[in-house]
Amino acid sequence: MITRLVSVAEGARLTRSVAIGAHTLTADEPEPVGADAGPTPGELLLAALGSCTSMAVRALADRRGWRLDRVDVAVRFGPAGGVLKNVGLTGDLEPGEREQLLAAAGRCPVHRLLAREVTIVTVPRLLAEPEDPARSLPPSG
């Protein structure tokens, strides 16, 4: 997965400006807690999952020359903190093609990342990405 550094700057109340390369997004919380100036961080996470899923399905269909007219993905938080992902495929697809496309929907990089245990290291200063992530871990011991 190709990644760029994501940086977050504080705004008024809980509004945040998110910079990713040349792109800027806004994150916030709904009123009355925030100003509702943008999606919540959780909604941005769901957007990442949904868009990655859609891209993976489209890429496979295009590589194989399958007649996928449209892929729609709806993602929401479900009970007990789970995530529900609905994938709609429109087009003249054989049952085997449809099955392979739905399997690809579960293999996109964001889905795989969220489905496994991820180690997150909090560094108490602002840096660019560490050259060697192992050096940023606290000493054991």
Protein backbone atom coordinates (compact mmCIF):
# COMPACT_ATOMS: atom_id res chain seq x y z
CA MET A 1 0.00 0.00 0.00
CA ILE A 2 1.46 3.35 -1.05
CA THR A 3 1.22 5.88 1.76
CA ARG A 4 2.01 9.53 2.32
CA LEU A 5 2.45 11.24 5.64
CA VAL A 6 -0.89 12.33 7.10
CA SER A 7 -0.74 15.38 9.36
CA VAL A 8 -3.52 16.82 11.49
CA ALA A 9 -3.76 20.46 12.60
CA GLU A 10 -6.06 21.72 15.31
CA GLY A 11 -8.87 24.13 14.44
CA ALA A 12 -11.71 25.69 16.42
CA ARG A 13 -13.22 23.39 19.06
CA LEU A 14 -12.89 19.86 17.68
CA THR A 15 -12.52 20.74 13.99
CA ARG A 16 -9.33 19.33 12.47
CA SER A 17 -7.58 19.99 9.17
CA VAL A 18 -6.11 16.80 7.73
CA ALA A 19 -3.32 17.17 5.14
CA ILE A 20 -2.35 14.27 2.91
CA GLY A 21 0.15 15.36 0.28
CA ALA A 22 -1.56 18.16 -1.68
CA HIS A 23 -5.02 17.19 -0.37
CA THR A 24 -6.83 18.69 2.60
CA LEU A 25 -9.79 17.15 4.43
CA THR A 26 -11.75 18.33 7.43
CA ALA A 27 -12.69 16.14 10.38
CA ASP A 28 -15.07 17.16 13.15
CA GLU A 29 -17.78 15.91 15.48
CA PRO A 30 -21.50 16.66 15.12
CA GLU A 31 -23.15 19.42 17.15
CA PRO A 32 -23.36 20.07 20.04
CA VAL A 33 -19.91 18.58 20.71
CA GLY A 34 -18.33 19.93 17.53
CA ALA A 35 -19.30 22.25 14.69
CA ASP A 36 -20.14 19.42 12.23
CA ALA A 37 -17.67 20.92 9.72
CA GLY A 38 -16.77 17.50 8.34
CA PRO A 39 -17.09 13.77 8.86
CA THR A 40 -16.08 12.25 12.18
CA PRO A 41 -12.78 10.36 12.41
CA GLY A 42 -14.77 7.10 12.48
CA GLU A 43 -16.63 8.09 9.34
CA LEU A 44 -13.33 8.86 7.63
CA LEU A 45 -12.17 5.37 8.58
CA LEU A 46 -15.33 3.88 7.06
CA ALA A 47 -14.78 6.02 3.94
CA ALA A 48 -11.25 4.62 3.62
CA LEU A 49 -12.59 1.08 3.86
CA GLY A 50 -15.43 1.68 1.41
CA SER A 51 -13.33 3.45 -1.19
CA CYS A 52 -10.53 0.87 -0.96
CA THR A 53 -13.09 -1.93 -1.36
CA SER A 54 -14.63 -0.28 -4.42
CA MET A 55 -11.20 0.29 -5.99
CA ALA A 56 -10.13 -3.33 -5.44
CA VAL A 57 -13.32 -4.69 -7.02
CA ARG A 58 -13.09 -2.31 -10.01
CA ALA A 59 -9.40 -3.09 -10.57
CA LEU A 60 -10.05 -6.84 -10.67
CA ALA A 61 -13.03 -6.47 -13.03
CA ASP A 62 -11.04 -4.23 -15.36
CA ARG A 63 -7.99 -6.56 -15.35
CA ARG A 64 -10.19 -9.53 -16.23
CA GLY A 65 -12.33 -7.67 -18.76
CA TRP A 66 -15.54 -8.49 -16.88
CA ARG A 67 -18.72 -6.55 -17.58
CA LEU A 68 -19.02 -4.75 -14.24
CA ASP A 69 -21.07 -1.63 -14.88
CA ARG A 70 -21.09 -0.34 -11.33
CA VAL A 71 -19.81 -1.17 -7.86
CA ASP A 72 -21.51 0.40 -4.83
CA VAL A 73 -20.22 0.07 -1.28
CA ALA A 74 -22.03 1.15 1.90
CA VAL A 75 -20.19 0.86 5.19
CA ARG A 76 -21.40 1.50 8.74
CA PHE A 77 -20.58 0.60 12.28
CA GLY A 78 -22.59 -2.34 13.53
CA PRO A 79 -23.35 -3.80 16.92
CA ALA A 80 -20.52 -4.33 19.39
CA GLY A 81 -18.10 -2.13 17.43
CA GLY A 82 -18.09 -4.28 14.30
CA VAL A 83 -18.25 -2.96 10.76
CA LEU A 84 -20.95 -3.89 8.25
CA LYS A 85 -19.93 -3.58 4.59
CA ASN A 86 -22.51 -3.99 1.82
CA VAL A 87 -21.18 -4.45 -1.71
CA GLY A 88 -23.49 -4.12 -4.70
CA LEU A 89 -22.35 -5.31 -8.11
CA THR A 90 -24.26 -4.27 -11.24
CA GLY A 91 -23.47 -5.72 -14.64
CA ASP A 92 -23.66 -8.78 -16.84
CA LEU A 93 -21.56 -11.00 -14.59
CA GLU A 94 -21.29 -14.78 -14.43
CA PRO A 95 -21.83 -16.29 -10.95
CA GLY A 96 -18.11 -17.17 -10.70
CA GLU A 97 -17.09 -13.63 -11.62
CA ARG A 98 -19.45 -12.19 -9.01
CA GLU A 99 -17.99 -14.57 -6.40
CA GLN A 100 -14.41 -13.54 -7.23
CA LEU A 101 -15.30 -9.85 -7.11
CA LEU A 102 -16.90 -10.25 -3.68
CA ALA A 103 -13.81 -12.13 -2.50
CA ALA A 104 -11.65 -9.22 -3.74
CA ALA A 105 -13.84 -6.88 -1.68
CA GLY A 106 -12.52 -8.64 1.43
CA ARG A 107 -8.89 -8.45 0.35
CA CYS A 108 -8.39 -4.72 -0.18
CA PRO A 109 -5.45 -3.31 1.82
CA VAL A 110 -7.60 -1.32 4.27
CA HIS A 111 -9.86 -4.33 4.95
CA ARG A 112 -6.81 -6.52 5.62
CA LEU A 113 -5.30 -3.87 7.90
CA LEU A 114 -8.48 -3.49 9.96
CA ALA A 115 -9.06 -7.24 10.16
CA ARG A 116 -5.74 -7.97 11.87
CA GLU A 117 -4.10 -6.76 15.02
CA VAL A 118 -2.14 -3.59 14.29
CA THR A 119 0.69 -2.20 16.38
CA ILE A 120 0.52 1.57 16.86
CA VAL A 121 3.49 3.39 18.36
CA THR A 122 2.91 6.86 19.83
CA VAL A 123 5.99 9.08 19.57
CA PRO A 124 5.98 12.10 21.94
CA ARG A 125 7.17 14.58 19.28
CA LEU A 126 6.20 15.57 15.76
CA LEU A 127 8.38 13.93 13.15
CA ALA A 128 8.34 12.85 9.58
CA GLU A 129 8.07 9.12 9.19
CA PRO A 130 10.91 7.39 11.09
CA GLU A 131 13.58 6.00 8.82
CA ASP A 132 13.62 2.77 10.80
CA PRO A 133 10.39 2.10 12.76
CA ALA A 134 12.27 -0.26 15.09
CA ARG A 135 14.38 2.69 16.33
CA SER A 136 11.26 4.60 17.42
CA LEU A 137 10.12 1.85 19.76
CA PRO A 138 10.89 2.36 23.45
CA PRO A 139 13.69 0.17 24.81
CA SER A 140 12.46 -3.06 26.34
CA GLY A 141 13.24 -3.74 29.70
